[in-house]
Amino acid sequence: MSVLPWLTVTTVIWLQAIGGTNTDFSAYSSPLKSRLGITQVKLNNLAFASDAGKLFGWCAGLTASRLPLCAVLAIGVTLSAIGYGLQFLFMSRIISSFSYTQFFFLNMLNGNSICWLNTVAYITIMRQFLPADHGTVIALTTSYTGLTAKIYLALAEVIVGKNNAASSGGDGKIYVLLNAVTPVVIALLTMPTIWAMREKPRDVKAGLVMMFGIAGVTGAYAVIQTTVPTLHSSSGIMPEMVLVVMVAAVILVPVVKVGEWAVRRRKLEGSLKVGVGEVGDVEGGKEEEKEEEEEAVVVVGTEGNVKGVVELVKKVNFWLYFMVYLCGATLGLVYGNNLGQISQSRGVSEIVLLSIYSSFGFFGRLATAPLSIFSRSRYKISKIGTIAVLMIFMSISFFLLISSRKSPLLVSTAIIGSCSGAITSIAVSVSSELFGQENFGVNHNIVISNIPVGSFLFGSIAALIYDKGENVGSGRDRICIGSDCYQKTFIIWGCICSFGTILSFVLFSRTRKSFRKS
């Protein structure tokens, strides 16, 4: 039945929409810092701990090759429920005390749980759709990861109200609770579809157009709701409810497909009078056409199917790609983790800044979908070349942040969010193309192991400079106010991103010959 692939896309979108639980860290980082009584450096180490959990992301890929995807999903949401659940009990003062070390390891558990959900999402798409459609469908589904923070902000405001949800006016525990409960609820809803998936549809154009239409409207609303003062400052919860409903609206595509299937079935029953032989010929022709399409798929990979970790790390292209991702998408993620303190130091609402970063991150991911179409047409566009161009804009944005004015802060946040989101989305396909699909679950998780490295190094730079500039408050509650708090950090981050841009062009030059031949 043709509805199964679209139910699969819907379930993966929901998983991705709520799976990036670490992206709302900035929404409750300030209350958490006060509750634990820690410095900015230690707070940064907690963000690093969440990213450090990705060092063990290969476990998810290895498990996925041996167990059903439903089991992998169950493990992921269980880890998330345990990690965030215990943290919620602490922030609610039900558990009276937690050592910093215990909180650190719980954050590692939380970060690792994300790898399990992402692995399920990526492998589900690769098993459900033809290779030629992987890039487009993955770009569509992963785009919703960019909305995760915005979705959790909306859910929190719907549940407890805007004043209690804002970290400046509340204790932030609602976000931790949502991080613990929401993935479990969505997993229970999506498991039946993941278990049932098998069919590989040949014609996905109409379904994808509908999906992209819904996604585009959802993203546009998220940006408008964030940037238009009358909507953002509204005391009611209707704007947030609309966003949640729009994310859920992707279920309309499978519903439409059910209607199409029912219509086709009626026509087929009416055409049976033509004769079984002719119907059989049509069926056979479709099978041959399907096989030809599968054989016609072009693979751009330059390294073939890299099967082992040792073989992978010996590749020069791996290390170039590792460093490019580190200085691009990972640096963008570190910027997002620091938005709580950046907004506080600049006197800007952290909810507004995080919403801008999240909403434009969504559009950045979504905009990468056409690359998969053009990369196999005669007007070929290199995905690695696209990453290089995106990093140029990211580098410029970090230097624009040096300005003390509000407008460069908002614009640069939007650019960094969209560019880092786009790179994250493209990277999934690039990992598959460079190193093959056979061991993708492990290979890609090794590539993104640079995230904890960058989180610690780049985040520590920001935290050390921030702590030296503390000038308000007393003791552990002191905070830094003013543009100088992050000015040196932005210069350093801009130089790092510029270095990554150079490496991305080196990688592009090494792979473009293979790309042209394909």
Protein backbone atom coordinates (compact mmCIF):
# COMPACT_ATOMS: atom_id res chain seq x y z
CA MET A 1 0.00 0.00 0.00
CA SER A 2 1.49 3.37 -1.08
CA VAL A 3 0.56 5.09 2.19
CA LEU A 4 3.27 3.28 4.20
CA PRO A 5 6.23 5.31 2.89
CA TRP A 6 4.46 8.55 3.75
CA LEU A 7 3.51 7.33 7.19
CA THR A 8 7.20 6.56 7.59
CA VAL A 9 8.20 10.09 6.55
CA THR A 10 5.64 11.50 8.97
CA THR A 11 6.94 9.43 11.87
CA VAL A 12 10.56 10.33 11.11
CA ILE A 13 9.63 14.03 10.97
CA TRP A 14 8.03 13.76 14.39
CA LEU A 15 11.07 11.95 15.76
CA GLN A 16 13.39 14.60 14.37
CA ALA A 17 11.15 17.45 15.54
CA ILE A 18 11.43 16.38 19.19
CA GLY A 19 14.75 14.52 19.04
CA GLY A 20 17.17 17.45 19.34
CA THR A 21 16.62 17.76 23.08
CA ASN A 22 20.01 19.42 23.61
CA THR A 23 19.03 22.41 21.45
CA ASP A 24 16.80 23.93 24.15
CA PHE A 25 19.65 23.93 26.71
CA SER A 26 19.95 27.72 26.46
CA ALA A 27 16.31 28.08 27.55
CA TYR A 28 17.07 26.75 31.03
CA SER A 29 20.85 27.17 31.31
CA SER A 30 20.66 30.33 33.45
CA PRO A 31 18.27 28.83 36.07
CA LEU A 32 20.37 25.65 36.04
CA LYS A 33 23.55 27.64 36.64
CA SER A 34 21.93 29.29 39.66
CA ARG A 35 20.46 26.02 41.01
CA LEU A 36 23.80 24.23 40.85
CA GLY A 37 25.76 27.29 41.96
CA ILE A 38 28.41 26.91 39.26
CA THR A 39 30.59 29.15 37.10
CA GLN A 40 30.18 29.72 33.38
CA VAL A 41 33.07 27.34 32.71
CA LYS A 42 31.30 24.54 34.56
CA LEU A 43 28.05 25.35 32.80
CA ASN A 44 29.87 25.05 29.48
CA ASN A 45 31.19 21.68 30.61
CA LEU A 46 27.60 20.50 31.06
CA ALA A 47 26.86 21.48 27.45
CA PHE A 48 30.03 19.63 26.49
CA ALA A 49 28.84 16.57 28.43
CA SER A 50 25.70 16.40 26.31
CA ASP A 51 27.84 16.51 23.17
CA ALA A 52 30.33 14.03 24.66
CA GLY A 53 27.55 11.45 24.71
CA LYS A 54 27.86 11.45 20.91
CA LEU A 55 31.30 9.86 21.27
CA PHE A 56 29.40 6.65 21.91
CA GLY A 57 26.95 7.23 19.07
CA TRP A 58 28.59 4.38 17.16
CA CYS A 59 26.89 2.04 19.64
CA ALA A 60 23.55 3.01 18.09
CA GLY A 61 24.81 2.26 14.59
CA LEU A 62 26.26 -1.07 15.69
CA THR A 63 23.03 -2.03 17.49
CA ALA A 64 20.93 -1.05 14.47
CA SER A 65 22.82 -3.61 12.37
CA ARG A 66 21.87 -6.37 14.81
CA LEU A 67 18.48 -5.46 16.32
CA PRO A 68 15.18 -4.20 14.88
CA LEU A 69 14.93 -0.42 14.60
CA CYS A 70 12.05 -0.41 17.08
CA ALA A 71 14.41 -1.82 19.71
CA VAL A 72 16.99 0.86 18.88
CA LEU A 73 14.32 3.54 19.25
CA ALA A 74 13.17 2.08 22.57
CA ILE A 75 16.71 2.18 23.92
CA GLY A 76 17.14 5.80 22.83
CA VAL A 77 13.98 7.14 24.48
CA THR A 78 14.66 5.11 27.64
CA LEU A 79 18.08 6.73 28.02
CA SER A 80 16.51 10.15 27.50
CA ALA A 81 13.75 9.47 30.03
CA ILE A 82 16.24 8.37 32.68
CA GLY A 83 18.70 11.23 32.15
CA TYR A 84 16.25 14.11 31.92
CA GLY A 85 13.85 12.51 34.39
CA LEU A 86 16.43 12.50 37.19
CA GLN A 87 17.47 16.05 36.33
CA PHE A 88 13.86 17.17 36.51
CA LEU A 89 13.49 15.65 39.97
CA PHE A 90 16.56 17.59 41.06
CA MET A 91 15.39 20.91 39.59
CA SER A 92 11.97 20.33 41.21
CA ARG A 93 13.80 19.76 44.53
CA ILE A 94 12.25 16.31 44.88
CA ILE A 95 15.82 15.05 44.93
CA SER A 96 17.51 17.40 47.38
CA SER A 97 21.06 17.22 46.09
CA PHE A 98 22.97 16.19 43.02
CA SER A 99 26.71 16.39 42.71
CA TYR A 100 28.10 18.21 39.71
CA THR A 101 29.73 14.98 38.55
CA GLN A 102 26.40 13.14 38.62
CA PHE A 103 24.73 15.90 36.62
CA PHE A 104 27.62 15.77 34.14
CA PHE A 105 27.17 12.05 33.47
CA LEU A 106 23.40 12.40 33.18
CA ASN A 107 23.98 15.00 30.47
CA MET A 108 26.24 12.53 28.67
CA LEU A 109 23.39 10.03 28.80
CA ASN A 110 21.01 12.62 27.38
CA GLY A 111 23.36 13.45 24.53
CA ASN A 112 23.88 9.80 23.68
CA SER A 113 20.12 9.21 23.49
CA ILE A 114 19.92 11.68 20.57
CA CYS A 115 22.28 9.49 18.53
CA TRP A 116 19.91 6.54 18.88
CA LEU A 117 16.94 8.56 17.63
CA ASN A 118 18.91 10.03 14.72
CA THR A 119 20.26 6.62 13.73
CA VAL A 120 16.73 5.24 13.59
CA ALA A 121 15.60 8.20 11.49
CA TYR A 122 18.43 7.98 8.95
CA ILE A 123 18.35 4.22 8.52
CA THR A 124 14.56 4.22 8.27
CA ILE A 125 14.70 6.60 5.31
CA MET A 126 17.49 4.65 3.63
CA ARG A 127 15.56 1.39 3.93
CA GLN A 128 12.23 2.88 2.93
CA PHE A 129 13.22 4.91 -0.14
CA LEU A 130 15.34 4.41 -3.23
CA PRO A 131 18.94 5.71 -3.04
CA ALA A 132 18.18 8.46 -5.55
CA ASP A 133 15.63 9.94 -3.12
CA HIS A 134 17.66 9.61 0.09
CA GLY A 135 19.15 13.10 0.04
CA THR A 136 15.84 14.85 -0.60
CA VAL A 137 13.87 12.92 2.02
CA ILE A 138 16.63 13.20 4.62
CA ALA A 139 16.87 16.96 4.04
CA LEU A 140 13.12 17.26 4.54
CA THR A 141 12.99 15.19 7.71
CA THR A 142 16.15 16.54 9.35
CA SER A 143 14.97 20.10 8.74
CA TYR A 144 12.53 19.63 11.59
CA THR A 145 15.45 19.15 13.98
CA GLY A 146 16.04 22.86 13.50
CA LEU A 147 12.60 23.50 15.00
CA THR A 148 13.13 21.36 18.10
CA ALA A 149 14.00 24.25 20.40
CA LYS A 150 11.13 26.34 19.02
CA ILE A 151 8.71 23.42 19.49
CA TYR A 152 9.75 22.89 23.10
CA LEU A 153 9.48 26.62 23.76
CA ALA A 154 5.95 26.55 22.33
CA LEU A 155 4.94 23.44 24.31
CA ALA A 156 6.29 24.97 27.52
CA GLU A 157 4.35 28.18 26.99
CA VAL A 158 1.17 26.24 26.21
CA ILE A 159 1.52 24.15 29.38
CA VAL A 160 2.70 26.67 32.01
CA GLY A 161 2.22 30.05 30.33
CA LYS A 162 4.75 32.48 28.90
CA ASN A 163 5.87 34.04 32.17
CA ASN A 164 6.62 30.71 33.84
CA ALA A 165 8.24 29.22 30.73
CA ALA A 166 10.69 32.09 30.19
CA SER A 167 13.95 31.31 31.93
CA SER A 168 14.13 34.88 33.19
CA GLY A 169 10.86 34.42 35.03
CA GLY A 170 10.77 30.71 35.76
CA ASP A 171 13.02 27.90 36.91
CA GLY A 172 13.28 26.22 33.50
CA LYS A 173 12.29 22.79 34.80
CA ILE A 174 9.39 22.53 32.33
CA TYR A 175 11.92 22.14 29.49
CA VAL A 176 13.71 19.31 31.28
CA LEU A 177 10.39 17.57 31.88
CA LEU A 178 9.41 17.91 28.22
CA ASN A 179 12.81 16.55 27.17
CA ALA A 180 12.14 13.47 29.30
CA VAL A 181 8.52 12.77 28.37
CA THR A 182 7.95 13.96 24.79
CA PRO A 183 10.36 11.52 23.03
CA VAL A 184 8.72 8.59 24.84
CA VAL A 185 5.23 9.65 23.73
CA ILE A 186 6.29 10.17 20.11
CA ALA A 187 8.21 6.86 20.06
CA LEU A 188 5.11 4.96 21.16
CA LEU A 189 3.13 6.62 18.35
CA THR A 190 5.75 5.94 15.66
CA MET A 191 6.91 2.39 16.49
CA PRO A 192 4.06 0.60 14.62
CA THR A 193 4.91 2.40 11.38
CA ILE A 194 8.65 1.76 11.69
CA TRP A 195 7.93 -1.91 12.34
CA ALA A 196 5.67 -2.19 9.27
CA MET A 197 7.81 -0.31 6.73
CA ARG A 198 9.18 -2.19 3.73
CA GLU A 199 7.82 -0.73 0.51
CA LYS A 200 10.10 1.40 -1.71
CA PRO A 201 7.96 3.80 -3.79
CA ARG A 202 9.10 4.73 -7.31
CA ASP A 203 7.27 8.02 -7.73
CA VAL A 204 7.68 10.29 -4.71
CA LYS A 205 7.39 13.66 -6.42
CA ALA A 206 3.75 14.45 -5.56
CA GLY A 207 4.11 13.34 -1.92
CA LEU A 208 7.32 15.30 -1.43
CA VAL A 209 5.77 18.43 -2.93
CA MET A 210 2.98 18.23 -0.34
CA MET A 211 5.46 17.55 2.46
CA PHE A 212 7.65 20.49 1.44
CA GLY A 213 4.60 22.72 1.17
CA ILE A 214 3.59 21.94 4.75
CA ALA A 215 7.18 22.28 5.95
CA GLY A 216 7.63 25.63 4.21
CA VAL A 217 4.45 27.06 5.70
CA THR A 218 5.42 25.75 9.15
CA GLY A 219 8.86 27.31 8.97
CA ALA A 220 7.50 30.61 7.67
CA TYR A 221 5.01 30.75 10.52
CA ALA A 222 7.76 29.98 13.06
CA VAL A 223 9.85 32.90 11.76
CA ILE A 224 6.88 35.29 11.62
CA GLN A 225 5.69 34.27 15.07
CA THR A 226 9.19 34.98 16.40
CA THR A 227 9.89 38.26 14.64
CA VAL A 228 6.47 39.98 14.56
CA PRO A 229 6.09 41.80 17.93
CA THR A 230 2.29 41.48 18.13
CA LEU A 231 2.46 37.69 17.80
CA HIS A 232 5.52 37.17 19.98
CA SER A 233 4.36 39.44 22.79
CA SER A 234 0.82 38.06 22.78
CA SER A 235 -0.24 36.96 26.24
CA GLY A 236 -2.34 34.11 24.87
CA ILE A 237 -1.14 30.65 23.89
CA MET A 238 -2.85 30.52 20.49
CA PRO A 239 0.31 31.38 18.44
CA GLU A 240 2.19 28.53 20.12
CA MET A 241 -0.73 26.12 19.67
CA VAL A 242 -0.82 26.91 15.95
CA LEU A 243 2.86 25.96 15.61
CA VAL A 244 2.36 22.61 17.37
CA VAL A 245 -0.64 21.84 15.16
CA MET A 246 1.32 22.73 12.01
CA VAL A 247 4.12 20.32 12.96
CA ALA A 248 1.53 17.59 13.45
CA ALA A 249 -0.10 18.49 10.12
CA VAL A 250 2.33 16.35 8.10
CA ILE A 251 -0.03 13.46 8.87
CA LEU A 252 -2.30 14.96 6.20
CA VAL A 253 -0.03 13.59 3.45
CA PRO A 254 -0.58 9.91 4.39
CA VAL A 255 -4.30 10.69 4.72
CA VAL A 256 -4.34 12.07 1.16
CA LYS A 257 -2.39 9.02 -0.03
CA VAL A 258 -5.01 6.73 1.53
CA GLY A 259 -7.66 8.54 -0.49
CA GLU A 260 -5.61 8.19 -3.69
CA TRP A 261 -5.06 4.50 -2.99
CA ALA A 262 -8.79 3.95 -2.49
CA VAL A 263 -9.57 5.69 -5.80
CA ARG A 264 -6.95 3.64 -7.67
CA ARG A 265 -8.28 0.43 -6.15
CA ARG A 266 -11.77 1.17 -7.44
CA LYS A 267 -10.44 1.92 -10.91
CA LEU A 268 -8.37 -1.28 -10.87
CA GLU A 269 -11.38 -3.37 -9.90
CA GLY A 270 -13.28 -1.78 -12.78
CA SER A 271 -10.47 -2.47 -15.24
CA LEU A 272 -10.20 -6.17 -14.35
CA LYS A 273 -12.65 -6.81 -17.17
CA VAL A 274 -9.83 -6.04 -19.60
CA GLY A 275 -8.25 -9.37 -18.73
CA VAL A 276 -5.82 -10.86 -16.26
CA GLY A 277 -3.10 -11.21 -18.92
CA GLU A 278 -2.99 -7.51 -19.66
CA VAL A 279 -2.94 -6.65 -15.98
CA GLY A 280 -0.08 -9.07 -15.50
CA ASP A 281 1.83 -7.42 -18.32
CA VAL A 282 1.34 -4.03 -16.70
CA GLU A 283 2.51 -5.37 -13.33
CA GLY A 284 5.57 -6.94 -14.92
CA GLY A 285 6.38 -3.75 -16.78
CA LYS A 286 6.23 -1.80 -13.54
CA GLU A 287 8.60 -4.23 -11.84
CA GLU A 288 11.09 -3.98 -14.70
CA GLU A 289 10.83 -0.21 -14.62
CA LYS A 290 11.47 -0.23 -10.90
CA GLU A 291 14.53 -2.43 -11.29
CA GLU A 292 15.88 -0.19 -14.05
CA GLU A 293 15.41 2.86 -11.88
CA GLU A 294 17.27 1.25 -9.02
CA GLU A 295 20.11 0.31 -11.34
CA ALA A 296 20.24 3.83 -12.76
CA VAL A 297 20.98 5.39 -9.38
CA VAL A 298 24.25 7.28 -9.39
CA VAL A 299 26.56 7.05 -6.41
CA VAL A 300 29.08 9.85 -6.06
CA GLY A 301 31.18 8.13 -3.41
CA THR A 302 34.92 8.56 -3.70
CA GLU A 303 35.99 5.99 -1.14
CA GLY A 304 33.60 3.11 -1.87
CA ASN A 305 32.05 1.26 1.06
CA VAL A 306 34.37 1.87 4.01
CA LYS A 307 33.61 -1.04 6.32
CA GLY A 308 35.87 -0.58 9.33
CA VAL A 309 36.85 2.20 11.72
CA VAL A 310 40.56 1.62 11.08
CA GLU A 311 40.02 1.86 7.34
CA LEU A 312 37.95 5.02 7.79
CA VAL A 313 40.47 6.96 9.90
CA LYS A 314 43.24 6.21 7.39
CA LYS A 315 41.43 8.27 4.75
CA VAL A 316 42.70 11.82 4.17
CA ASN A 317 39.21 12.83 3.06
CA PHE A 318 37.85 11.65 6.39
CA TRP A 319 40.06 14.00 8.37
CA LEU A 320 39.40 16.90 6.03
CA TYR A 321 35.67 16.27 6.33
CA PHE A 322 36.00 15.82 10.12
CA MET A 323 37.70 19.22 10.47
CA VAL A 324 35.28 20.97 8.12
CA TYR A 325 32.31 19.72 10.15
CA LEU A 326 34.12 20.68 13.37
CA CYS A 327 34.71 24.28 12.25
CA GLY A 328 31.26 24.62 10.66
CA ALA A 329 28.22 22.77 11.99
CA THR A 330 29.79 22.04 15.39
CA LEU A 331 30.84 25.65 15.89
CA GLY A 332 27.29 26.71 15.02
CA LEU A 333 25.99 24.30 17.65
CA VAL A 334 28.35 25.78 20.27
CA TYR A 335 27.05 29.23 19.39
CA GLY A 336 23.51 27.95 19.98
CA ASN A 337 24.53 26.50 23.36
CA ASN A 338 25.78 29.95 24.44
CA LEU A 339 22.71 31.90 23.38
CA GLY A 340 21.40 32.05 26.95
CA GLN A 341 24.42 34.00 28.20
CA ILE A 342 24.90 35.93 24.94
CA SER A 343 21.34 37.26 25.12
CA GLN A 344 21.73 38.03 28.83
CA SER A 345 24.92 39.99 28.25
CA ARG A 346 23.43 41.97 25.35
CA GLY A 347 20.06 42.68 26.99
CA VAL A 348 18.06 40.69 24.42
CA SER A 349 15.31 38.19 25.23
CA GLU A 350 16.87 34.72 25.19
CA ILE A 351 13.57 33.25 23.99
CA VAL A 352 13.61 35.56 20.95
CA LEU A 353 17.25 34.82 20.13
CA LEU A 354 16.83 31.07 20.54
CA SER A 355 13.65 31.15 18.44
CA ILE A 356 15.45 32.96 15.63
CA TYR A 357 18.33 30.47 15.73
CA SER A 358 15.93 27.52 15.75
CA SER A 359 13.54 28.82 13.07
CA PHE A 360 16.26 29.76 10.60
CA GLY A 361 18.05 26.50 11.34
CA PHE A 362 14.90 24.78 10.13
CA PHE A 363 14.92 26.72 6.86
CA GLY A 364 18.62 26.06 6.39
CA ARG A 365 18.04 22.33 6.58
CA LEU A 366 14.95 22.45 4.39
CA ALA A 367 16.70 24.48 1.71
CA THR A 368 19.24 21.70 1.14
CA ALA A 369 16.64 19.33 -0.29
CA PRO A 370 16.92 20.57 -3.92
CA LEU A 371 20.63 19.69 -3.84
CA SER A 372 19.78 16.01 -4.11
CA ILE A 373 17.72 16.71 -7.22
CA PHE A 374 20.34 18.87 -8.92
CA SER A 375 23.23 16.61 -7.89
CA ARG A 376 21.91 13.91 -10.21
CA SER A 377 20.79 16.19 -13.07
CA ARG A 378 22.93 17.61 -15.83
CA TYR A 379 23.20 20.85 -13.83
CA LYS A 380 25.17 19.18 -11.06
CA ILE A 381 25.78 20.99 -7.79
CA SER A 382 28.45 19.64 -5.46
CA LYS A 383 27.29 19.19 -1.86
CA ILE A 384 30.83 19.67 -0.58
CA GLY A 385 31.12 22.85 -2.65
CA THR A 386 27.85 24.03 -1.11
CA ILE A 387 29.25 23.47 2.39
CA ALA A 388 32.26 25.62 1.46
CA VAL A 389 30.01 28.50 0.34
CA LEU A 390 27.86 28.24 3.48
CA MET A 391 30.94 28.46 5.69
CA ILE A 392 31.97 31.71 4.01
CA PHE A 393 28.71 33.28 5.21
CA MET A 394 29.15 31.78 8.68
CA SER A 395 32.65 33.25 8.97
CA ILE A 396 31.42 36.72 8.03
CA SER A 397 28.55 36.46 10.53
CA PHE A 398 30.87 35.75 13.46
CA PHE A 399 32.84 38.90 12.70
CA LEU A 400 29.61 40.92 12.38
CA LEU A 401 28.76 39.89 15.95
CA ILE A 402 31.60 42.11 17.17
CA SER A 403 29.25 45.07 16.72
CA SER A 404 27.44 46.15 19.89
CA ARG A 405 24.24 46.93 18.00
CA LYS A 406 21.18 44.70 18.25
CA SER A 407 20.48 44.27 14.52
CA PRO A 408 23.81 42.55 13.64
CA LEU A 409 23.21 40.18 16.56
CA LEU A 410 19.79 39.15 15.27
CA VAL A 411 20.88 38.91 11.61
CA SER A 412 24.07 36.96 12.41
CA THR A 413 22.14 34.57 14.64
CA ALA A 414 19.76 33.89 11.76
CA ILE A 415 22.64 33.30 9.31
CA ILE A 416 24.62 31.06 11.68
CA GLY A 417 21.49 29.06 12.50
CA SER A 418 20.55 28.57 8.84
CA CYS A 419 24.09 27.80 7.61
CA SER A 420 24.98 25.38 10.42
CA GLY A 421 21.58 23.71 10.00
CA ALA A 422 22.14 23.31 6.27
CA ILE A 423 25.61 21.84 6.79
CA THR A 424 24.22 19.37 9.34
CA SER A 425 21.60 18.21 6.83
CA ILE A 426 23.98 17.98 3.88
CA ALA A 427 26.52 16.09 6.00
CA VAL A 428 24.26 13.03 6.22
CA SER A 429 24.32 12.59 2.44
CA VAL A 430 28.01 13.52 2.16
CA SER A 431 28.96 10.82 4.68
CA SER A 432 27.05 8.29 2.61
CA GLU A 433 28.59 9.47 -0.65
CA LEU A 434 32.17 9.66 0.62
CA PHE A 435 32.25 6.42 2.61
CA GLY A 436 29.34 4.35 1.29
CA GLN A 437 26.00 3.23 2.75
CA GLU A 438 26.99 -0.24 3.88
CA ASN A 439 28.39 0.90 7.24
CA PHE A 440 26.71 4.32 7.33
CA GLY A 441 25.32 4.04 10.87
CA VAL A 442 28.82 3.66 12.34
CA ASN A 443 30.73 5.88 9.88
CA HIS A 444 28.51 8.94 10.27
CA ASN A 445 28.49 8.65 14.07
CA ILE A 446 32.30 8.63 13.99
CA VAL A 447 32.28 11.78 11.83
CA ILE A 448 30.03 13.63 14.27
CA SER A 449 32.20 12.57 17.20
CA ASN A 450 33.90 15.90 16.52
CA ILE A 451 30.91 17.58 18.19
CA PRO A 452 32.07 16.94 21.79
CA VAL A 453 35.61 17.96 20.82
CA GLY A 454 34.41 21.26 19.43
CA SER A 455 31.90 21.74 22.24
CA PHE A 456 34.65 21.51 24.82
CA LEU A 457 37.32 23.53 22.99
CA PHE A 458 35.16 26.29 21.52
CA GLY A 459 32.83 26.42 24.52
CA SER A 460 35.74 26.65 26.97
CA ILE A 461 37.16 29.61 25.05
CA ALA A 462 33.85 31.43 25.43
CA ALA A 463 33.42 30.47 29.09
CA LEU A 464 36.91 31.54 30.17
CA ILE A 465 36.58 34.92 28.47
CA TYR A 466 33.06 35.32 29.90
CA ASP A 467 34.14 34.59 33.49
CA LYS A 468 36.95 37.14 33.25
CA GLY A 469 34.41 39.78 32.30
CA GLU A 470 31.94 39.18 35.14
CA ASN A 471 30.85 42.53 36.55
CA VAL A 472 27.32 42.20 37.94
CA GLY A 473 26.19 40.40 41.08
CA SER A 474 28.28 38.64 43.68
CA GLY A 475 29.76 35.22 44.27
CA ARG A 476 28.61 32.45 41.97
CA ASP A 477 25.58 34.46 40.79
CA ARG A 478 27.73 37.08 39.06
CA ILE A 479 26.99 37.61 35.37
CA CYS A 480 28.69 39.51 32.57
CA ILE A 481 26.88 42.43 30.95
CA GLY A 482 27.91 44.20 27.75
CA SER A 483 29.21 43.47 24.25
CA ASP A 484 32.75 42.88 25.56
CA CYS A 485 31.66 39.60 27.22
CA TYR A 486 31.79 37.73 23.91
CA GLN A 487 33.67 40.13 21.60
CA LYS A 488 37.02 38.30 21.74
CA THR A 489 35.18 34.97 21.51
CA PHE A 490 33.47 35.99 18.27
CA ILE A 491 36.81 37.01 16.75
CA ILE A 492 38.35 33.65 17.66
CA TRP A 493 35.29 31.73 16.43
CA GLY A 494 35.34 33.72 13.17
CA CYS A 495 38.99 32.77 12.60
CA ILE A 496 38.24 29.10 13.33
CA CYS A 497 35.32 29.11 10.90
CA SER A 498 37.52 30.80 8.26
CA PHE A 499 40.10 28.04 8.68
CA GLY A 500 37.36 25.45 8.20
CA THR A 501 36.26 27.27 5.06
CA ILE A 502 39.72 26.87 3.56
CA LEU A 503 39.71 23.15 4.39
CA SER A 504 36.28 22.76 2.79
CA PHE A 505 37.63 24.08 -0.51
CA VAL A 506 40.57 21.67 -0.22
CA LEU A 507 38.14 18.78 0.24
CA PHE A 508 36.07 20.04 -2.68
CA SER A 509 39.14 20.11 -4.95
CA ARG A 510 40.02 16.54 -3.94
CA THR A 511 36.55 15.17 -4.68
CA ARG A 512 35.33 17.21 -7.65
CA LYS A 513 36.94 14.93 -10.28
CA SER A 514 35.07 11.94 -8.92
CA PHE A 515 31.93 14.08 -8.68
CA ARG A 516 32.14 15.10 -12.35
CA LYS A 517 32.71 11.52 -13.49
CA SER A 518 29.55 10.43 -11.69
